[in-house]
Amino acid sequence: MNKTTPALALAALLSLAPHAFAQGMDHGKTGSGHGGMMATQNLPPAEAEVRRIDKDSGKITLRHGAIKNMDMPPMTMVFSVRDKAMLDGIAVGDKVEFTAVQDKGQMVVESIKPLKP
């Protein structure tokens, strides 16, 4: 039977720690993570009114309620959208439900859908 010294066992365990720690982190709240992709299913939705849409640049201005995952109070601000196609079917004045994250210094809409009147 091979006897492993405590120091060698500790070194092996510590070499695995960064990977195990990274796997357990909640990347959806901060916008960090593998490839910048977010776990949208875990994001709490917020409600907003669409104030302006710029499809060419992939931007939308929303007058939104609190965004809980970012500890953001209600305000009006411009967001980028993850995909310009998300803006299809959305019009100025629409009430919407959306999720957003901060990703690489920008506020990004991860999902958006019109609310039924």
C-alpha atoms as a PDB file:
ATOM      1  CA  MET A   1       0.000   0.000   0.000  1.00  0.00           C
ATOM      2  CA  ASN A   2       1.345   3.417  -0.959  1.00  0.00           C
ATOM      3  CA  LYS A   3       1.494   5.909   1.887  1.00  0.00           C
ATOM      4  CA  THR A   4       0.875   9.534   0.889  1.00  0.00           C
ATOM      5  CA  THR A   5       2.396  12.206   3.038  1.00  0.00           C
ATOM      6  CA  PRO A   6       0.011  14.790   4.507  1.00  0.00           C
ATOM      7  CA  ALA A   7       1.828  17.592   2.656  1.00  0.00           C
ATOM      8  CA  LEU A   8       1.408  15.844  -0.702  1.00  0.00           C
ATOM      9  CA  ALA A   9      -2.278  15.166  -0.036  1.00  0.00           C
ATOM     10  CA  LEU A  10      -2.812  18.799   0.953  1.00  0.00           C
ATOM     11  CA  ALA A  11      -1.045  20.028  -2.206  1.00  0.00           C
ATOM     12  CA  ALA A  12      -3.244  17.798  -4.378  1.00  0.00           C
ATOM     13  CA  LEU A  13      -6.385  19.026  -2.651  1.00  0.00           C
ATOM     14  CA  LEU A  14      -5.394  22.682  -2.976  1.00  0.00           C
ATOM     15  CA  SER A  15      -4.656  22.283  -6.705  1.00  0.00           C
ATOM     16  CA  LEU A  16      -8.314  21.330  -7.216  1.00  0.00           C
ATOM     17  CA  ALA A  17      -9.750  24.106  -5.016  1.00  0.00           C
ATOM     18  CA  PRO A  18      -9.815  26.983  -7.574  1.00  0.00           C
ATOM     19  CA  HIS A  19     -11.765  24.870 -10.079  1.00  0.00           C
ATOM     20  CA  ALA A  20     -14.234  23.635  -7.470  1.00  0.00           C
ATOM     21  CA  PHE A  21     -14.710  27.151  -6.121  1.00  0.00           C
ATOM     22  CA  ALA A  22     -15.367  28.589  -9.596  1.00  0.00           C
ATOM     23  CA  GLN A  23     -17.934  25.877 -10.328  1.00  0.00           C
ATOM     24  CA  GLY A  24     -19.916  26.804  -7.225  1.00  0.00           C
ATOM     25  CA  MET A  25     -20.065  30.569  -7.850  1.00  0.00           C
ATOM     26  CA  ASP A  26     -23.319  32.263  -8.878  1.00  0.00           C
ATOM     27  CA  HIS A  27     -22.304  34.064 -12.073  1.00  0.00           C
ATOM     28  CA  GLY A  28     -25.835  35.193 -12.979  1.00  0.00           C
ATOM     29  CA  LYS A  29     -25.815  38.186 -10.624  1.00  0.00           C
ATOM     30  CA  THR A  30     -22.595  39.847 -11.631  1.00  0.00           C
ATOM     31  CA  GLY A  31     -22.457  39.273 -15.340  1.00  0.00           C
ATOM     32  CA  SER A  32     -19.213  37.343 -15.075  1.00  0.00           C
ATOM     33  CA  GLY A  33     -18.777  33.767 -16.064  1.00  0.00           C
ATOM     34  CA  HIS A  34     -17.881  31.615 -19.013  1.00  0.00           C
ATOM     35  CA  GLY A  35     -18.188  33.551 -22.262  1.00  0.00           C
ATOM     36  CA  GLY A  36     -20.273  36.308 -20.671  1.00  0.00           C
ATOM     37  CA  MET A  37     -23.445  34.208 -20.875  1.00  0.00           C
ATOM     38  CA  MET A  38     -25.916  34.605 -18.034  1.00  0.00           C
ATOM     39  CA  ALA A  39     -28.251  32.193 -16.332  1.00  0.00           C
ATOM     40  CA  THR A  40     -31.419  34.037 -17.312  1.00  0.00           C
ATOM     41  CA  GLN A  41     -33.724  31.466 -15.757  1.00  0.00           C
ATOM     42  CA  ASN A  42     -32.461  32.532 -12.312  1.00  0.00           C
ATOM     43  CA  LEU A  43     -32.896  36.281 -12.811  1.00  0.00           C
ATOM     44  CA  PRO A  44     -35.890  37.995 -11.217  1.00  0.00           C
ATOM     45  CA  PRO A  45     -37.977  39.877 -13.789  1.00  0.00           C
ATOM     46  CA  ALA A  46     -38.628  43.609 -13.594  1.00  0.00           C
ATOM     47  CA  GLU A  47     -41.420  45.618 -15.199  1.00  0.00           C
ATOM     48  CA  ALA A  48     -40.879  48.678 -17.365  1.00  0.00           C
ATOM     49  CA  GLU A  49     -42.332  51.038 -19.934  1.00  0.00           C
ATOM     50  CA  VAL A  50     -40.503  51.312 -23.241  1.00  0.00           C
ATOM     51  CA  ARG A  51     -39.486  54.926 -23.861  1.00  0.00           C
ATOM     52  CA  ARG A  52     -37.236  54.592 -26.941  1.00  0.00           C
ATOM     53  CA  ILE A  53     -35.939  51.848 -29.251  1.00  0.00           C
ATOM     54  CA  ASP A  54     -32.834  51.995 -31.453  1.00  0.00           C
ATOM     55  CA  LYS A  55     -32.825  48.694 -33.359  1.00  0.00           C
ATOM     56  CA  ASP A  56     -29.741  49.608 -35.404  1.00  0.00           C
ATOM     57  CA  SER A  57     -27.557  49.913 -32.317  1.00  0.00           C
ATOM     58  CA  GLY A  58     -29.411  47.284 -30.254  1.00  0.00           C
ATOM     59  CA  LYS A  59     -30.428  49.730 -27.523  1.00  0.00           C
ATOM     60  CA  ILE A  60     -33.655  50.238 -25.614  1.00  0.00           C
ATOM     61  CA  THR A  61     -34.575  52.956 -23.127  1.00  0.00           C
ATOM     62  CA  LEU A  62     -36.720  51.663 -20.278  1.00  0.00           C
ATOM     63  CA  ARG A  63     -38.476  53.408 -17.414  1.00  0.00           C
ATOM     64  CA  HIS A  64     -38.159  50.465 -15.068  1.00  0.00           C
ATOM     65  CA  GLY A  65     -39.035  49.371 -11.594  1.00  0.00           C
ATOM     66  CA  ALA A  66     -36.462  47.962  -9.191  1.00  0.00           C
ATOM     67  CA  ILE A  67     -34.022  45.448 -10.664  1.00  0.00           C
ATOM     68  CA  LYS A  68     -33.445  43.210  -7.667  1.00  0.00           C
ATOM     69  CA  ASN A  69     -30.475  41.188  -8.941  1.00  0.00           C
ATOM     70  CA  MET A  70     -28.520  44.432  -9.435  1.00  0.00           C
ATOM     71  CA  ASP A  71     -29.861  46.267  -6.359  1.00  0.00           C
ATOM     72  CA  MET A  72     -31.006  49.019  -8.733  1.00  0.00           C
ATOM     73  CA  PRO A  73     -33.865  51.364  -7.783  1.00  0.00           C
ATOM     74  CA  PRO A  74     -36.526  52.457 -10.286  1.00  0.00           C
ATOM     75  CA  MET A  75     -35.252  54.865 -12.954  1.00  0.00           C
ATOM     76  CA  THR A  76     -35.121  55.505 -16.685  1.00  0.00           C
ATOM     77  CA  MET A  77     -32.021  54.302 -18.489  1.00  0.00           C
ATOM     78  CA  VAL A  78     -30.631  52.896 -21.729  1.00  0.00           C
ATOM     79  CA  PHE A  79     -29.853  49.190 -21.980  1.00  0.00           C
ATOM     80  CA  SER A  80     -28.128  47.152 -24.658  1.00  0.00           C
ATOM     81  CA  VAL A  81     -29.923  43.996 -25.719  1.00  0.00           C
ATOM     82  CA  ARG A  82     -28.179  40.626 -25.941  1.00  0.00           C
ATOM     83  CA  ASP A  83     -29.673  40.107 -29.428  1.00  0.00           C
ATOM     84  CA  LYS A  84     -31.217  42.805 -31.670  1.00  0.00           C
ATOM     85  CA  ALA A  85     -33.998  40.370 -32.626  1.00  0.00           C
ATOM     86  CA  MET A  86     -35.279  40.733 -29.047  1.00  0.00           C
ATOM     87  CA  LEU A  87     -36.603  44.156 -30.064  1.00  0.00           C
ATOM     88  CA  ASP A  88     -38.939  42.688 -32.714  1.00  0.00           C
ATOM     89  CA  GLY A  89     -42.527  42.999 -31.530  1.00  0.00           C
ATOM     90  CA  ILE A  90     -41.661  45.651 -28.906  1.00  0.00           C
ATOM     91  CA  ALA A  91     -42.887  49.234 -29.412  1.00  0.00           C
ATOM     92  CA  VAL A  92     -42.484  52.572 -27.659  1.00  0.00           C
ATOM     93  CA  GLY A  93     -45.131  52.822 -24.936  1.00  0.00           C
ATOM     94  CA  ASP A  94     -45.339  49.055 -24.366  1.00  0.00           C
ATOM     95  CA  LYS A  95     -45.323  47.730 -20.827  1.00  0.00           C
ATOM     96  CA  VAL A  96     -42.758  44.930 -20.675  1.00  0.00           C
ATOM     97  CA  GLU A  97     -41.266  42.378 -18.338  1.00  0.00           C
ATOM     98  CA  PHE A  98     -37.506  41.981 -18.666  1.00  0.00           C
ATOM     99  CA  THR A  99     -34.377  40.625 -17.056  1.00  0.00           C
ATOM    100  CA  ALA A 100     -31.038  42.411 -17.119  1.00  0.00           C
ATOM    101  CA  VAL A 101     -27.455  42.015 -15.947  1.00  0.00           C
ATOM    102  CA  GLN A 102     -24.297  44.041 -15.883  1.00  0.00           C
ATOM    103  CA  ASP A 103     -21.874  42.542 -18.393  1.00  0.00           C
ATOM    104  CA  LYS A 104     -18.469  44.022 -19.157  1.00  0.00           C
ATOM    105  CA  GLY A 105     -19.511  47.416 -17.805  1.00  0.00           C
ATOM    106  CA  GLN A 106     -22.795  47.605 -19.744  1.00  0.00           C
ATOM    107  CA  MET A 107     -26.366  47.043 -18.619  1.00  0.00           C
ATOM    108  CA  VAL A 108     -27.685  44.288 -20.868  1.00  0.00           C
ATOM    109  CA  VAL A 109     -31.244  43.027 -21.339  1.00  0.00           C
ATOM    110  CA  GLU A 110     -31.179  39.236 -21.277  1.00  0.00           C
ATOM    111  CA  SER A 111     -34.895  38.701 -21.957  1.00  0.00           C
ATOM    112  CA  ILE A 112     -37.870  40.938 -22.685  1.00  0.00           C
ATOM    113  CA  LYS A 113     -41.539  40.372 -23.462  1.00  0.00           C
ATOM    114  CA  PRO A 114     -44.577  42.644 -23.733  1.00  0.00           C
ATOM    115  CA  LEU A 115     -47.106  42.441 -20.926  1.00  0.00           C
ATOM    116  CA  LYS A 116     -50.704  41.813 -21.894  1.00  0.00           C
ATOM    117  CA  PRO A 117     -52.865  44.966 -21.541  1.00  0.00           C
END
